[in-house]
PDB file of N, CA and C in Angstrom:
ATOM      1  N   UNK A   1       0.889  -1.292  -0.049  1.00  0.00           N
ATOM      2  CA  UNK A   1      -0.061  -0.012  -0.173  1.00  0.00           C
ATOM      3  C   UNK A   1       0.897   1.108  -0.016  1.00  0.00           C
ATOM      4  N   UNK A   2       0.498   2.114  -1.030  1.00  0.00           N
ATOM      5  CA  UNK A   2       1.161   3.690  -0.728  1.00  0.00           C
ATOM      6  C   UNK A   2       0.404   4.479  -0.111  1.00  0.00           C
ATOM      7  N   UNK A   3       1.017   5.388   0.407  1.00  0.00           N
ATOM      8  CA  UNK A   3       0.235   6.444   1.065  1.00  0.00           C
ATOM      9  C   UNK A   3       0.909   8.021   0.585  1.00  0.00           C
ATOM     10  N   UNK A   4       0.083   8.946   0.182  1.00  0.00           N
ATOM     11  CA  UNK A   4       0.636  10.435  -0.378  1.00  0.00           C
ATOM     12  C   UNK A   4       1.103  10.997   0.894  1.00  0.00           C
ATOM     13  N   UNK A   5       1.858  11.771   0.868  1.00  0.00           N
ATOM     14  CA  UNK A   5       2.340  12.608   2.267  1.00  0.00           C
ATOM     15  C   UNK A   5       2.036  14.148   1.964  1.00  0.00           C
ATOM     16  N   UNK A   6       1.620  14.866   2.616  1.00  0.00           N
ATOM     17  CA  UNK A   6       1.635  16.470   2.585  1.00  0.00           C
ATOM     18  C   UNK A   6       2.993  16.701   3.046  1.00  0.00           C
ATOM     19  N   UNK A   7       4.072  17.517   1.917  1.00  0.00           N
ATOM     20  CA  UNK A   7       4.712  18.208   2.237  1.00  0.00           C
ATOM     21  C   UNK A   7       4.953  20.034   1.689  1.00  0.00           C
ATOM     22  N   UNK A   8       5.827  20.817   2.512  1.00  0.00           N
ATOM     23  CA  UNK A   8       6.071  22.024   2.094  1.00  0.00           C
ATOM     24  C   UNK A   8       7.460  22.324   1.220  1.00  0.00           C
ATOM     25  N   UNK A   9       6.951  23.037   0.202  1.00  0.00           N
ATOM     26  CA  UNK A   9       8.080  23.189  -0.604  1.00  0.00           C
ATOM     27  C   UNK A   9       9.095  24.177  -0.001  1.00  0.00           C
ATOM     28  N   UNK A  10      10.220  23.979   0.421  1.00  0.00           N
ATOM     29  CA  UNK A  10      11.349  24.632   0.889  1.00  0.00           C
ATOM     30  C   UNK A  10      12.589  25.180  -0.539  1.00  0.00           C
ATOM     31  N   UNK A  11      12.488  24.234  -1.347  1.00  0.00           N
ATOM     32  CA  UNK A  11      13.550  24.431  -2.559  1.00  0.00           C
ATOM     33  C   UNK A  11      13.019  24.374  -3.810  1.00  0.00           C
ATOM     34  N   UNK A  12      13.311  24.882  -4.667  1.00  0.00           N
ATOM     35  CA  UNK A  12      12.880  24.602  -6.004  1.00  0.00           C
ATOM     36  C   UNK A  12      13.458  24.944  -7.094  1.00  0.00           C
ATOM     37  N   UNK A  13      13.920  24.076  -8.190  1.00  0.00           N
ATOM     38  CA  UNK A  13      14.840  24.071  -9.280  1.00  0.00           C
ATOM     39  C   UNK A  13      14.387  23.487 -10.478  1.00  0.00           C
ATOM     40  N   UNK A  14      13.485  24.727 -11.006  1.00  0.00           N
ATOM     41  CA  UNK A  14      12.924  24.028 -12.511  1.00  0.00           C
ATOM     42  C   UNK A  14      11.883  23.004 -11.769  1.00  0.00           C
ATOM     43  N   UNK A  15      11.851  21.712 -12.408  1.00  0.00           N
ATOM     44  CA  UNK A  15      11.078  21.055 -11.979  1.00  0.00           C
ATOM     45  C   UNK A  15      11.135  19.932 -11.002  1.00  0.00           C
ATOM     46  N   UNK A  16      12.196  20.153 -10.387  1.00  0.00           N
ATOM     47  CA  UNK A  16      12.667  19.445  -9.462  1.00  0.00           C
ATOM     48  C   UNK A  16      12.524  20.608  -7.923  1.00  0.00           C
ATOM     49  N   UNK A  17      12.201  20.000  -6.927  1.00  0.00           N
ATOM     50  CA  UNK A  17      11.922  20.595  -5.192  1.00  0.00           C
ATOM     51  C   UNK A  17      12.240  19.772  -4.549  1.00  0.00           C
ATOM     52  N   UNK A  18      12.442  20.253  -3.500  1.00  0.00           N
ATOM     53  CA  UNK A  18      12.648  19.731  -1.928  1.00  0.00           C
ATOM     54  C   UNK A  18      11.313  20.117  -1.032  1.00  0.00           C
ATOM     55  N   UNK A  19      10.911  18.895  -0.546  1.00  0.00           N
ATOM     56  CA  UNK A  19       9.642  19.353   0.479  1.00  0.00           C
ATOM     57  C   UNK A  19      10.362  18.998   1.951  1.00  0.00           C
ATOM     58  N   UNK A  20       9.328  19.270   2.948  1.00  0.00           N
ATOM     59  CA  UNK A  20       9.823  19.033   4.309  1.00  0.00           C
ATOM     60  C   UNK A  20       8.254  18.578   5.043  1.00  0.00           C
ATOM     61  N   UNK A  21       8.848  17.937   6.050  1.00  0.00           N
ATOM     62  CA  UNK A  21       7.306  17.740   6.786  1.00  0.00           C
ATOM     63  C   UNK A  21       7.761  16.728   8.134  1.00  0.00           C
ATOM     64  N   UNK A  22       7.304  17.235   9.263  1.00  0.00           N
ATOM     65  CA  UNK A  22       7.600  16.350  10.464  1.00  0.00           C
ATOM     66  C   UNK A  22       9.371  15.858  10.555  1.00  0.00           C
ATOM     67  N   UNK A  23      10.040  17.096  10.289  1.00  0.00           N
ATOM     68  CA  UNK A  23      11.522  16.935  10.160  1.00  0.00           C
ATOM     69  C   UNK A  23      12.235  16.400   9.055  1.00  0.00           C
ATOM     70  N   UNK A  24      11.403  15.543   8.261  1.00  0.00           N
ATOM     71  CA  UNK A  24      12.331  14.836   6.971  1.00  0.00           C
ATOM     72  C   UNK A  24      12.102  15.797   5.845  1.00  0.00           C
ATOM     73  N   UNK A  25      13.155  15.598   5.175  1.00  0.00           N
ATOM     74  CA  UNK A  25      13.070  16.239   3.930  1.00  0.00           C
ATOM     75  C   UNK A  25      13.039  15.349   2.468  1.00  0.00           C
ATOM     76  N   UNK A  26      12.242  15.537   1.203  1.00  0.00           N
ATOM     77  CA  UNK A  26      12.314  14.513   0.330  1.00  0.00           C
ATOM     78  C   UNK A  26      12.516  15.540  -0.747  1.00  0.00           C
ATOM     79  N   UNK A  27      13.199  14.883  -1.849  1.00  0.00           N
ATOM     80  CA  UNK A  27      13.130  15.296  -3.305  1.00  0.00           C
ATOM     81  C   UNK A  27      11.996  14.997  -3.737  1.00  0.00           C
ATOM     82  N   UNK A  28      11.419  15.739  -4.937  1.00  0.00           N
ATOM     83  CA  UNK A  28      10.287  15.382  -5.681  1.00  0.00           C
ATOM     84  C   UNK A  28      10.209  16.046  -6.952  1.00  0.00           C
ATOM     85  N   UNK A  29       9.650  15.622  -7.791  1.00  0.00           N
ATOM     86  CA  UNK A  29       9.194  16.566  -8.880  1.00  0.00           C
ATOM     87  C   UNK A  29       7.852  17.272  -8.897  1.00  0.00           C
ATOM     88  N   UNK A  30       8.020  18.462  -9.654  1.00  0.00           N
ATOM     89  CA  UNK A  30       6.579  19.268  -9.308  1.00  0.00           C
ATOM     90  C   UNK A  30       5.797  19.398 -10.840  1.00  0.00           C
ATOM     91  N   UNK A  31       6.192  18.121 -11.953  1.00  0.00           N
ATOM     92  CA  UNK A  31       5.775  18.662 -12.974  1.00  0.00           C
ATOM     93  C   UNK A  31       4.305  18.854 -13.251  1.00  0.00           C
ATOM     94  N   UNK A  32       3.440  18.342 -12.206  1.00  0.00           N
ATOM     95  CA  UNK A  32       1.862  18.387 -12.406  1.00  0.00           C
ATOM     96  C   UNK A  32       1.595  19.171 -11.701  1.00  0.00           C
ATOM     97  N   UNK A  33       2.022  20.299 -10.951  1.00  0.00           N
ATOM     98  CA  UNK A  33       1.704  21.819 -10.217  1.00  0.00           C
ATOM     99  C   UNK A  33       1.784  22.848 -11.158  1.00  0.00           C
ATOM    100  N   UNK A  34       0.896  23.423 -11.013  1.00  0.00           N
ATOM    101  CA  UNK A  34       1.076  24.832 -11.921  1.00  0.00           C
ATOM    102  C   UNK A  34       1.419  25.738 -11.149  1.00  0.00           C
ATOM    103  N   UNK A  35       2.768  26.276 -11.650  1.00  0.00           N
ATOM    104  CA  UNK A  35       3.442  27.521 -10.773  1.00  0.00           C
ATOM    105  C   UNK A  35       3.982  27.185  -9.629  1.00  0.00           C
ATOM    106  N   UNK A  36       4.324  26.042  -9.137  1.00  0.00           N
ATOM    107  CA  UNK A  36       4.705  25.895  -7.965  1.00  0.00           C
ATOM    108  C   UNK A  36       5.608  26.711  -7.333  1.00  0.00           C
ATOM    109  N   UNK A  37       5.531  27.044  -6.284  1.00  0.00           N
ATOM    110  CA  UNK A  37       6.273  28.203  -5.274  1.00  0.00           C
ATOM    111  C   UNK A  37       6.831  27.544  -3.869  1.00  0.00           C
ATOM    112  N   UNK A  38       7.919  28.522  -3.725  1.00  0.00           N
ATOM    113  CA  UNK A  38       8.393  27.704  -2.070  1.00  0.00           C
ATOM    114  C   UNK A  38       7.292  28.413  -1.169  1.00  0.00           C
ATOM    115  N   UNK A  39       7.090  27.411  -0.277  1.00  0.00           N
ATOM    116  CA  UNK A  39       6.046  27.762   0.679  1.00  0.00           C
ATOM    117  C   UNK A  39       4.675  27.026   0.483  1.00  0.00           C
ATOM    118  N   UNK A  40       4.463  26.575  -0.710  1.00  0.00           N
ATOM    119  CA  UNK A  40       3.324  25.795  -1.246  1.00  0.00           C
ATOM    120  C   UNK A  40       3.422  24.346  -0.094  1.00  0.00           C
ATOM    121  N   UNK A  41       2.237  24.119   0.183  1.00  0.00           N
ATOM    122  CA  UNK A  41       1.863  22.867   0.594  1.00  0.00           C
ATOM    123  C   UNK A  41       1.337  21.743  -0.868  1.00  0.00           C
ATOM    124  N   UNK A  42       2.185  20.734  -0.820  1.00  0.00           N
ATOM    125  CA  UNK A  42       1.675  19.683  -1.778  1.00  0.00           C
ATOM    126  C   UNK A  42       1.469  18.307  -1.470  1.00  0.00           C
ATOM    127  N   UNK A  43       0.931  17.293  -1.746  1.00  0.00           N
ATOM    128  CA  UNK A  43       0.564  16.011  -1.789  1.00  0.00           C
ATOM    129  C   UNK A  43       1.481  15.399  -2.524  1.00  0.00           C
ATOM    130  N   UNK A  44       2.473  14.563  -2.050  1.00  0.00           N
ATOM    131  CA  UNK A  44       3.544  13.665  -2.824  1.00  0.00           C
ATOM    132  C   UNK A  44       3.227  12.585  -2.857  1.00  0.00           C
ATOM    133  N   UNK A  45       3.334  11.859  -3.998  1.00  0.00           N
ATOM    134  CA  UNK A  45       2.985  10.333  -3.987  1.00  0.00           C
ATOM    135  C   UNK A  45       3.837   9.789  -5.097  1.00  0.00           C
ATOM    136  N   UNK A  46       4.849   8.738  -4.622  1.00  0.00           N
ATOM    137  CA  UNK A  46       5.983   8.124  -5.568  1.00  0.00           C
ATOM    138  C   UNK A  46       6.713   9.159  -6.090  1.00  0.00           C
ATOM    139  N   UNK A  47       7.153  10.201  -5.406  1.00  0.00           N
ATOM    140  CA  UNK A  47       8.339  11.150  -5.609  1.00  0.00           C
ATOM    141  C   UNK A  47       7.658  12.154  -6.731  1.00  0.00           C
ATOM    142  N   UNK A  48       6.386  12.563  -6.738  1.00  0.00           N
ATOM    143  CA  UNK A  48       5.793  13.238  -7.669  1.00  0.00           C
ATOM    144  C   UNK A  48       4.637  14.204  -6.792  1.00  0.00           C
ATOM    145  N   UNK A  49       5.057  15.720  -6.945  1.00  0.00           N
ATOM    146  CA  UNK A  49       4.037  16.133  -6.211  1.00  0.00           C
ATOM    147  C   UNK A  49       2.689  16.233  -7.254  1.00  0.00           C
ATOM    148  N   UNK A  50       1.558  15.805  -6.386  1.00  0.00           N
ATOM    149  CA  UNK A  50       0.155  15.462  -7.340  1.00  0.00           C
ATOM    150  C   UNK A  50      -0.864  16.292  -7.090  1.00  0.00           C
ATOM    151  N   UNK A  51      -0.702  17.374  -6.261  1.00  0.00           N
ATOM    152  CA  UNK A  51      -1.736  18.202  -5.902  1.00  0.00           C
ATOM    153  C   UNK A  51      -1.338  19.353  -4.755  1.00  0.00           C
ATOM    154  N   UNK A  52      -1.625  20.521  -5.512  1.00  0.00           N
ATOM    155  CA  UNK A  52      -1.520  21.675  -4.174  1.00  0.00           C
ATOM    156  C   UNK A  52      -2.716  21.410  -3.002  1.00  0.00           C
ATOM    157  N   UNK A  53      -2.284  21.807  -1.760  1.00  0.00           N
ATOM    158  CA  UNK A  53      -2.953  21.760  -0.688  1.00  0.00           C
ATOM    159  C   UNK A  53      -3.220  22.921   0.155  1.00  0.00           C
ATOM    160  N   UNK A  54      -4.286  23.585   0.502  1.00  0.00           N
ATOM    161  CA  UNK A  54      -4.234  24.921   1.355  1.00  0.00           C
ATOM    162  C   UNK A  54      -3.295  24.722   2.514  1.00  0.00           C
ATOM    163  N   UNK A  55      -2.808  25.895   3.053  1.00  0.00           N
ATOM    164  CA  UNK A  55      -2.071  25.483   4.169  1.00  0.00           C
ATOM    165  C   UNK A  55      -2.947  24.611   5.412  1.00  0.00           C
ATOM    166  N   UNK A  56      -4.193  25.199   5.506  1.00  0.00           N
ATOM    167  CA  UNK A  56      -5.242  24.503   6.616  1.00  0.00           C
ATOM    168  C   UNK A  56      -5.193  23.202   6.504  1.00  0.00           C
ATOM    169  N   UNK A  57      -5.430  22.544   5.478  1.00  0.00           N
ATOM    170  CA  UNK A  57      -5.524  21.171   5.291  1.00  0.00           C
ATOM    171  C   UNK A  57      -4.320  20.447   5.067  1.00  0.00           C
ATOM    172  N   UNK A  58      -3.472  21.072   5.049  1.00  0.00           N
ATOM    173  CA  UNK A  58      -1.866  20.536   4.898  1.00  0.00           C
ATOM    174  C   UNK A  58      -1.345  20.618   6.513  1.00  0.00           C
ATOM    175  N   UNK A  59      -1.774  21.349   7.390  1.00  0.00           N
ATOM    176  CA  UNK A  59      -1.670  21.170   8.593  1.00  0.00           C
ATOM    177  C   UNK A  59      -2.466  20.141   9.493  1.00  0.00           C
ATOM    178  N   UNK A  60      -3.975  20.135   8.933  1.00  0.00           N
ATOM    179  CA  UNK A  60      -4.653  18.804   9.502  1.00  0.00           C
ATOM    180  C   UNK A  60      -3.882  17.698   9.251  1.00  0.00           C
ATOM    181  N   UNK A  61      -3.687  17.599   8.002  1.00  0.00           N
ATOM    182  CA  UNK A  61      -2.888  16.281   7.438  1.00  0.00           C
ATOM    183  C   UNK A  61      -1.918  15.932   8.412  1.00  0.00           C
ATOM    184  N   UNK A  62      -1.011  16.703   8.346  1.00  0.00           N
ATOM    185  CA  UNK A  62       0.356  16.584   9.061  1.00  0.00           C
ATOM    186  C   UNK A  62       0.187  16.396  10.727  1.00  0.00           C
ATOM    187  N   UNK A  63      -0.775  16.905  11.295  1.00  0.00           N
ATOM    188  CA  UNK A  63      -1.199  16.662  12.383  1.00  0.00           C
ATOM    189  C   UNK A  63      -1.676  14.924  12.466  1.00  0.00           C
ATOM    190  N   UNK A  64      -2.500  14.543  11.767  1.00  0.00           N
ATOM    191  CA  UNK A  64      -2.800  13.244  11.470  1.00  0.00           C
ATOM    192  C   UNK A  64      -1.664  12.493  11.548  1.00  0.00           C
ATOM    193  N   UNK A  65      -0.864  12.616  10.687  1.00  0.00           N
ATOM    194  CA  UNK A  65       0.334  11.567  10.594  1.00  0.00           C
ATOM    195  C   UNK A  65       1.198  11.576  11.990  1.00  0.00           C
ATOM    196  N   UNK A  66       1.553  12.940  12.740  1.00  0.00           N
ATOM    197  CA  UNK A  66       1.721  13.108  14.253  1.00  0.00           C
ATOM    198  C   UNK A  66       0.961  12.318  14.948  1.00  0.00           C
ATOM    199  N   UNK A  67      -0.257  11.830  14.987  1.00  0.00           N
ATOM    200  CA  UNK A  67      -1.203  11.162  15.661  1.00  0.00           C
ATOM    201  C   UNK A  67      -0.609   9.574  15.635  1.00  0.00           C
ATOM    202  N   UNK A  68      -0.626   9.280  14.211  1.00  0.00           N
ATOM    203  CA  UNK A  68      -0.323   7.854  13.891  1.00  0.00           C
ATOM    204  C   UNK A  68       1.018   7.737  14.527  1.00  0.00           C
ATOM    205  N   UNK A  69       2.097   8.414  14.100  1.00  0.00           N
ATOM    206  CA  UNK A  69       3.459   7.992  14.721  1.00  0.00           C
ATOM    207  C   UNK A  69       3.710   8.029  16.072  1.00  0.00           C
ATOM    208  N   UNK A  70       2.957   8.852  16.683  1.00  0.00           N
ATOM    209  CA  UNK A  70       2.875   8.740  18.322  1.00  0.00           C
ATOM    210  C   UNK A  70       2.270   7.545  19.036  1.00  0.00           C
ATOM    211  N   UNK A  71       1.334   7.252  18.126  1.00  0.00           N
ATOM    212  CA  UNK A  71       0.304   5.801  18.685  1.00  0.00           C
ATOM    213  C   UNK A  71       1.766   4.585  18.626  1.00  0.00           C
ATOM    214  N   UNK A  72       2.543   4.940  17.550  1.00  0.00           N
ATOM    215  CA  UNK A  72       3.031   3.497  17.186  1.00  0.00           C
ATOM    216  C   UNK A  72       4.313   3.326  18.369  1.00  0.00           C
TER     217      UNK A  72
END
């Protein structure tokens, strides 16, 4: 099973970016995001940003991931 993860774009170089969430950084491609910008929250699946999220939704999703992580 694969799960999509919300990340905040912190570096951007053309169609490649670095995102961060919960202290982890991941490289990703942003080919599917229209005009990506540093500070955008995106859902990442299989190394590709597939959807932009509002900050509110992203923070709710990240909080849910923290709950899961803390339950383990």
